[in-house]
Amino acid sequence: MVHQLRGLPRHAPGVLSNRRGAPDRRRRVLWSLLYGSFNPRRRTEPRRLDDSRYFSVDWHASHLLAVAISILLLSFCDAFLTLMLLDGGAQEMNPVMDLVVHGDAALFAGLKMAMTGLSVVLMVCLARYRFMRVVRVEFALYAILIGYITLIGYEFWMLQLGKEGFPF
């Protein structure tokens, strides 16, 4: 125990020295990321038996990439259309974004993309889990995609109303 606290190597009983000759593989972070990206080991099963409830995988389904990119592109379109609608006299309904949007448009777009991007990355990592033990997170991603498509359609409809002279 004293060896662990001081950071000293402790050898097994009967072993006089450390048998490892090569450098520690955990110190090569960039190589591990590149190698693990092209040679994933954990695709469907946990690495250890204790990880059977919560485990991460190295390889995600390819359709999740399409959903994630679509959500990010639609989020960008939403930010652009929101700024156009605000210039036409509309009001921001999201109270968090309402605080930011009136100050700086670049800050608004950056914050919106950062929040959406981090959320999508987290949801893709957790795609196999169930939200509230009911709905798989993967299906929640599809619901968000459908919600963004609906929102973009609504914003286009509002822009058309604005061109025809109707107030928002």
C-alpha atoms as a PDB file:
ATOM      1  CA  MET A   1       0.000   0.000   0.000  1.00  0.00           C
ATOM      2  CA  VAL A   2       2.878   2.366   0.764  1.00  0.00           C
ATOM      3  CA  HIS A   3       4.239   1.718  -2.732  1.00  0.00           C
ATOM      4  CA  GLN A   4       0.949   2.777  -4.292  1.00  0.00           C
ATOM      5  CA  LEU A   5       0.768   5.994  -2.276  1.00  0.00           C
ATOM      6  CA  ARG A   6       4.317   6.979  -3.178  1.00  0.00           C
ATOM      7  CA  GLY A   7       3.891   5.989  -6.825  1.00  0.00           C
ATOM      8  CA  LEU A   8       6.659   3.388  -6.633  1.00  0.00           C
ATOM      9  CA  PRO A   9       6.407   0.227  -8.717  1.00  0.00           C
ATOM     10  CA  ARG A  10       5.569  -2.849  -6.717  1.00  0.00           C
ATOM     11  CA  HIS A  11       6.573  -6.216  -8.021  1.00  0.00           C
ATOM     12  CA  ALA A  12       4.779  -9.475  -7.455  1.00  0.00           C
ATOM     13  CA  PRO A  13       6.209 -11.745  -4.746  1.00  0.00           C
ATOM     14  CA  GLY A  14       9.206 -13.652  -6.072  1.00  0.00           C
ATOM     15  CA  VAL A  15       9.814 -11.224  -8.955  1.00  0.00           C
ATOM     16  CA  LEU A  16      12.981  -9.183  -8.645  1.00  0.00           C
ATOM     17  CA  SER A  17      12.274  -6.521 -11.262  1.00  0.00           C
ATOM     18  CA  ASN A  18       9.705  -5.171 -13.655  1.00  0.00           C
ATOM     19  CA  ARG A  19       9.483  -7.466 -16.686  1.00  0.00           C
ATOM     20  CA  ARG A  20       8.042  -4.851 -19.005  1.00  0.00           C
ATOM     21  CA  GLY A  21      10.617  -3.753 -21.506  1.00  0.00           C
ATOM     22  CA  ALA A  22       8.561  -1.613 -23.865  1.00  0.00           C
ATOM     23  CA  PRO A  23       7.283   1.851 -22.995  1.00  0.00           C
ATOM     24  CA  ASP A  24       3.809   2.090 -21.508  1.00  0.00           C
ATOM     25  CA  ARG A  25       1.256   1.890 -24.329  1.00  0.00           C
ATOM     26  CA  ARG A  26      -1.124   4.227 -22.490  1.00  0.00           C
ATOM     27  CA  ARG A  27       1.233   7.157 -23.009  1.00  0.00           C
ATOM     28  CA  ARG A  28       0.749   7.137 -26.801  1.00  0.00           C
ATOM     29  CA  VAL A  29      -2.576   8.962 -26.921  1.00  0.00           C
ATOM     30  CA  LEU A  30      -2.558  10.066 -30.565  1.00  0.00           C
ATOM     31  CA  TRP A  31      -1.532   6.610 -31.783  1.00  0.00           C
ATOM     32  CA  SER A  32      -4.235   4.988 -29.642  1.00  0.00           C
ATOM     33  CA  LEU A  33      -6.897   7.294 -31.053  1.00  0.00           C
ATOM     34  CA  LEU A  34      -5.853   6.660 -34.646  1.00  0.00           C
ATOM     35  CA  TYR A  35      -5.421   2.924 -34.199  1.00  0.00           C
ATOM     36  CA  GLY A  36      -8.676   2.564 -32.269  1.00  0.00           C
ATOM     37  CA  SER A  37     -10.587   4.527 -34.894  1.00  0.00           C
ATOM     38  CA  PHE A  38      -9.692   2.075 -37.645  1.00  0.00           C
ATOM     39  CA  ASN A  39      -9.540  -1.112 -35.542  1.00  0.00           C
ATOM     40  CA  PRO A  40     -12.425  -0.968 -33.067  1.00  0.00           C
ATOM     41  CA  ARG A  41     -12.684  -3.796 -30.577  1.00  0.00           C
ATOM     42  CA  ARG A  42     -15.893  -3.103 -28.690  1.00  0.00           C
ATOM     43  CA  ARG A  43     -18.787  -3.068 -31.132  1.00  0.00           C
ATOM     44  CA  THR A  44     -21.633  -4.742 -29.251  1.00  0.00           C
ATOM     45  CA  GLU A  45     -20.482  -6.383 -26.041  1.00  0.00           C
ATOM     46  CA  PRO A  46     -18.917  -4.994 -22.858  1.00  0.00           C
ATOM     47  CA  ARG A  47     -15.204  -5.365 -22.235  1.00  0.00           C
ATOM     48  CA  ARG A  48     -15.623  -6.822 -18.751  1.00  0.00           C
ATOM     49  CA  LEU A  49     -18.433  -8.723 -17.075  1.00  0.00           C
ATOM     50  CA  ASP A  50     -18.865  -5.905 -14.535  1.00  0.00           C
ATOM     51  CA  ASP A  51     -19.619  -3.510 -17.409  1.00  0.00           C
ATOM     52  CA  SER A  52     -22.676  -5.426 -18.563  1.00  0.00           C
ATOM     53  CA  ARG A  53     -25.147  -2.670 -17.638  1.00  0.00           C
ATOM     54  CA  TYR A  54     -23.266   0.453 -18.738  1.00  0.00           C
ATOM     55  CA  PHE A  55     -20.593   0.097 -21.350  1.00  0.00           C
ATOM     56  CA  SER A  56     -19.278   2.117 -24.224  1.00  0.00           C
ATOM     57  CA  VAL A  57     -18.567   0.874 -27.700  1.00  0.00           C
ATOM     58  CA  ASP A  58     -15.838   1.884 -30.117  1.00  0.00           C
ATOM     59  CA  TRP A  59     -17.976   1.600 -33.222  1.00  0.00           C
ATOM     60  CA  HIS A  60     -21.362   3.239 -33.758  1.00  0.00           C
ATOM     61  CA  ALA A  61     -23.942   2.518 -36.441  1.00  0.00           C
ATOM     62  CA  SER A  62     -23.398   4.476 -39.656  1.00  0.00           C
ATOM     63  CA  HIS A  63     -26.986   5.739 -39.776  1.00  0.00           C
ATOM     64  CA  LEU A  64     -26.325   7.650 -36.542  1.00  0.00           C
ATOM     65  CA  LEU A  65     -23.699   9.695 -38.388  1.00  0.00           C
ATOM     66  CA  ALA A  66     -26.287  10.702 -40.992  1.00  0.00           C
ATOM     67  CA  VAL A  67     -28.798  11.613 -38.263  1.00  0.00           C
ATOM     68  CA  ALA A  68     -26.200  13.599 -36.292  1.00  0.00           C
ATOM     69  CA  ILE A  69     -24.998  15.560 -39.330  1.00  0.00           C
ATOM     70  CA  SER A  70     -28.596  16.237 -40.390  1.00  0.00           C
ATOM     71  CA  ILE A  71     -29.450  17.568 -36.930  1.00  0.00           C
ATOM     72  CA  LEU A  72     -26.399  19.854 -36.962  1.00  0.00           C
ATOM     73  CA  LEU A  73     -27.183  21.178 -40.440  1.00  0.00           C
ATOM     74  CA  LEU A  74     -30.811  21.795 -39.509  1.00  0.00           C
ATOM     75  CA  SER A  75     -29.675  23.533 -36.317  1.00  0.00           C
ATOM     76  CA  PHE A  76     -27.528  25.838 -38.443  1.00  0.00           C
ATOM     77  CA  CYS A  77     -30.505  26.532 -40.729  1.00  0.00           C
ATOM     78  CA  ASP A  78     -32.659  27.187 -37.659  1.00  0.00           C
ATOM     79  CA  ALA A  79     -30.173  29.752 -36.349  1.00  0.00           C
ATOM     80  CA  PHE A  80     -30.050  31.508 -39.728  1.00  0.00           C
ATOM     81  CA  LEU A  81     -33.840  31.510 -40.151  1.00  0.00           C
ATOM     82  CA  THR A  82     -34.325  32.679 -36.554  1.00  0.00           C
ATOM     83  CA  LEU A  83     -32.107  35.685 -37.205  1.00  0.00           C
ATOM     84  CA  MET A  84     -34.021  36.457 -40.395  1.00  0.00           C
ATOM     85  CA  LEU A  85     -37.349  36.227 -38.570  1.00  0.00           C
ATOM     86  CA  LEU A  86     -36.099  38.425 -35.731  1.00  0.00           C
ATOM     87  CA  ASP A  87     -35.085  41.067 -38.257  1.00  0.00           C
ATOM     88  CA  GLY A  88     -38.650  40.927 -39.574  1.00  0.00           C
ATOM     89  CA  GLY A  89     -40.198  41.528 -36.164  1.00  0.00           C
ATOM     90  CA  ALA A  90     -40.659  38.034 -34.746  1.00  0.00           C
ATOM     91  CA  GLN A  91     -39.852  37.161 -31.130  1.00  0.00           C
ATOM     92  CA  GLU A  92     -37.598  34.404 -29.808  1.00  0.00           C
ATOM     93  CA  MET A  93     -39.661  31.925 -27.809  1.00  0.00           C
ATOM     94  CA  ASN A  94     -36.747  30.097 -26.150  1.00  0.00           C
ATOM     95  CA  PRO A  95     -36.016  32.097 -22.977  1.00  0.00           C
ATOM     96  CA  VAL A  96     -32.372  30.981 -22.812  1.00  0.00           C
ATOM     97  CA  MET A  97     -31.645  31.961 -26.398  1.00  0.00           C
ATOM     98  CA  ASP A  98     -33.690  35.155 -26.025  1.00  0.00           C
ATOM     99  CA  LEU A  99     -31.069  36.434 -23.580  1.00  0.00           C
ATOM    100  CA  VAL A 100     -28.271  35.848 -26.108  1.00  0.00           C
ATOM    101  CA  VAL A 101     -29.877  36.579 -29.464  1.00  0.00           C
ATOM    102  CA  HIS A 102     -30.465  40.279 -28.851  1.00  0.00           C
ATOM    103  CA  GLY A 103     -26.836  40.925 -27.952  1.00  0.00           C
ATOM    104  CA  ASP A 104     -24.643  39.422 -30.647  1.00  0.00           C
ATOM    105  CA  ALA A 105     -25.730  37.277 -33.603  1.00  0.00           C
ATOM    106  CA  ALA A 106     -22.373  35.484 -33.830  1.00  0.00           C
ATOM    107  CA  LEU A 107     -22.499  34.597 -30.142  1.00  0.00           C
ATOM    108  CA  PHE A 108     -26.052  33.338 -30.594  1.00  0.00           C
ATOM    109  CA  ALA A 109     -25.112  31.119 -33.548  1.00  0.00           C
ATOM    110  CA  GLY A 110     -21.960  29.837 -31.850  1.00  0.00           C
ATOM    111  CA  LEU A 111     -23.741  29.038 -28.598  1.00  0.00           C
ATOM    112  CA  LYS A 112     -26.582  27.325 -30.431  1.00  0.00           C
ATOM    113  CA  MET A 113     -24.208  25.188 -32.499  1.00  0.00           C
ATOM    114  CA  ALA A 114     -22.049  24.315 -29.478  1.00  0.00           C
ATOM    115  CA  MET A 115     -25.019  23.254 -27.350  1.00  0.00           C
ATOM    116  CA  THR A 116     -26.537  21.258 -30.188  1.00  0.00           C
ATOM    117  CA  GLY A 117     -23.217  19.669 -31.142  1.00  0.00           C
ATOM    118  CA  LEU A 118     -22.348  18.586 -27.608  1.00  0.00           C
ATOM    119  CA  SER A 119     -25.833  17.202 -27.088  1.00  0.00           C
ATOM    120  CA  VAL A 120     -25.756  15.230 -30.329  1.00  0.00           C
ATOM    121  CA  VAL A 121     -22.307  13.766 -29.578  1.00  0.00           C
ATOM    122  CA  LEU A 122     -23.468  12.701 -26.119  1.00  0.00           C
ATOM    123  CA  MET A 123     -26.647  11.176 -27.508  1.00  0.00           C
ATOM    124  CA  VAL A 124     -24.746   9.225 -30.166  1.00  0.00           C
ATOM    125  CA  CYS A 125     -22.427   7.855 -27.471  1.00  0.00           C
ATOM    126  CA  LEU A 126     -25.475   6.803 -25.448  1.00  0.00           C
ATOM    127  CA  ALA A 127     -27.547   5.621 -28.441  1.00  0.00           C
ATOM    128  CA  ARG A 128     -27.887   2.064 -27.118  1.00  0.00           C
ATOM    129  CA  TYR A 129     -29.188   3.110 -23.723  1.00  0.00           C
ATOM    130  CA  ARG A 130     -32.785   3.713 -22.792  1.00  0.00           C
ATOM    131  CA  PHE A 131     -33.982   7.118 -21.645  1.00  0.00           C
ATOM    132  CA  MET A 132     -36.077   6.722 -18.484  1.00  0.00           C
ATOM    133  CA  ARG A 133     -35.852   2.951 -19.151  1.00  0.00           C
ATOM    134  CA  VAL A 134     -38.477   3.336 -21.858  1.00  0.00           C
ATOM    135  CA  VAL A 135     -37.192   4.866 -25.101  1.00  0.00           C
ATOM    136  CA  ARG A 136     -33.835   4.140 -26.676  1.00  0.00           C
ATOM    137  CA  VAL A 137     -31.741   7.273 -27.079  1.00  0.00           C
ATOM    138  CA  GLU A 138     -31.310   6.357 -30.752  1.00  0.00           C
ATOM    139  CA  PHE A 139     -35.045   6.872 -31.274  1.00  0.00           C
ATOM    140  CA  ALA A 140     -34.862  10.170 -29.391  1.00  0.00           C
ATOM    141  CA  LEU A 141     -32.286  11.298 -31.974  1.00  0.00           C
ATOM    142  CA  TYR A 142     -34.778  10.492 -34.736  1.00  0.00           C
ATOM    143  CA  ALA A 143     -37.474  12.418 -32.849  1.00  0.00           C
ATOM    144  CA  ILE A 144     -35.166  15.445 -32.596  1.00  0.00           C
ATOM    145  CA  LEU A 145     -34.460  15.190 -36.328  1.00  0.00           C
ATOM    146  CA  ILE A 146     -38.200  15.140 -37.098  1.00  0.00           C
ATOM    147  CA  GLY A 147     -38.699  18.057 -34.696  1.00  0.00           C
ATOM    148  CA  TYR A 148     -36.034  20.114 -36.477  1.00  0.00           C
ATOM    149  CA  ILE A 149     -37.565  19.333 -39.881  1.00  0.00           C
ATOM    150  CA  THR A 150     -40.941  20.486 -38.557  1.00  0.00           C
ATOM    151  CA  LEU A 151     -39.394  23.628 -37.045  1.00  0.00           C
ATOM    152  CA  ILE A 152     -37.642  24.551 -40.304  1.00  0.00           C
ATOM    153  CA  GLY A 153     -40.917  24.081 -42.190  1.00  0.00           C
ATOM    154  CA  TYR A 154     -42.699  26.311 -39.669  1.00  0.00           C
ATOM    155  CA  GLU A 155     -40.019  28.994 -39.988  1.00  0.00           C
ATOM    156  CA  PHE A 156     -40.297  28.953 -43.785  1.00  0.00           C
ATOM    157  CA  TRP A 157     -44.061  29.300 -43.415  1.00  0.00           C
ATOM    158  CA  MET A 158     -43.551  32.296 -41.095  1.00  0.00           C
ATOM    159  CA  LEU A 159     -41.167  33.872 -43.609  1.00  0.00           C
ATOM    160  CA  GLN A 160     -43.805  33.489 -46.320  1.00  0.00           C
ATOM    161  CA  LEU A 161     -46.372  35.162 -44.053  1.00  0.00           C
ATOM    162  CA  GLY A 162     -43.941  38.006 -43.485  1.00  0.00           C
ATOM    163  CA  LYS A 163     -43.479  38.529 -47.223  1.00  0.00           C
ATOM    164  CA  GLU A 164     -47.228  38.679 -47.757  1.00  0.00           C
ATOM    165  CA  GLY A 165     -47.559  41.483 -45.227  1.00  0.00           C
ATOM    166  CA  PHE A 166     -49.062  39.542 -42.325  1.00  0.00           C
ATOM    167  CA  PRO A 167     -47.651  40.285 -38.867  1.00  0.00           C
ATOM    168  CA  PHE A 168     -45.930  37.503 -36.976  1.00  0.00           C
END
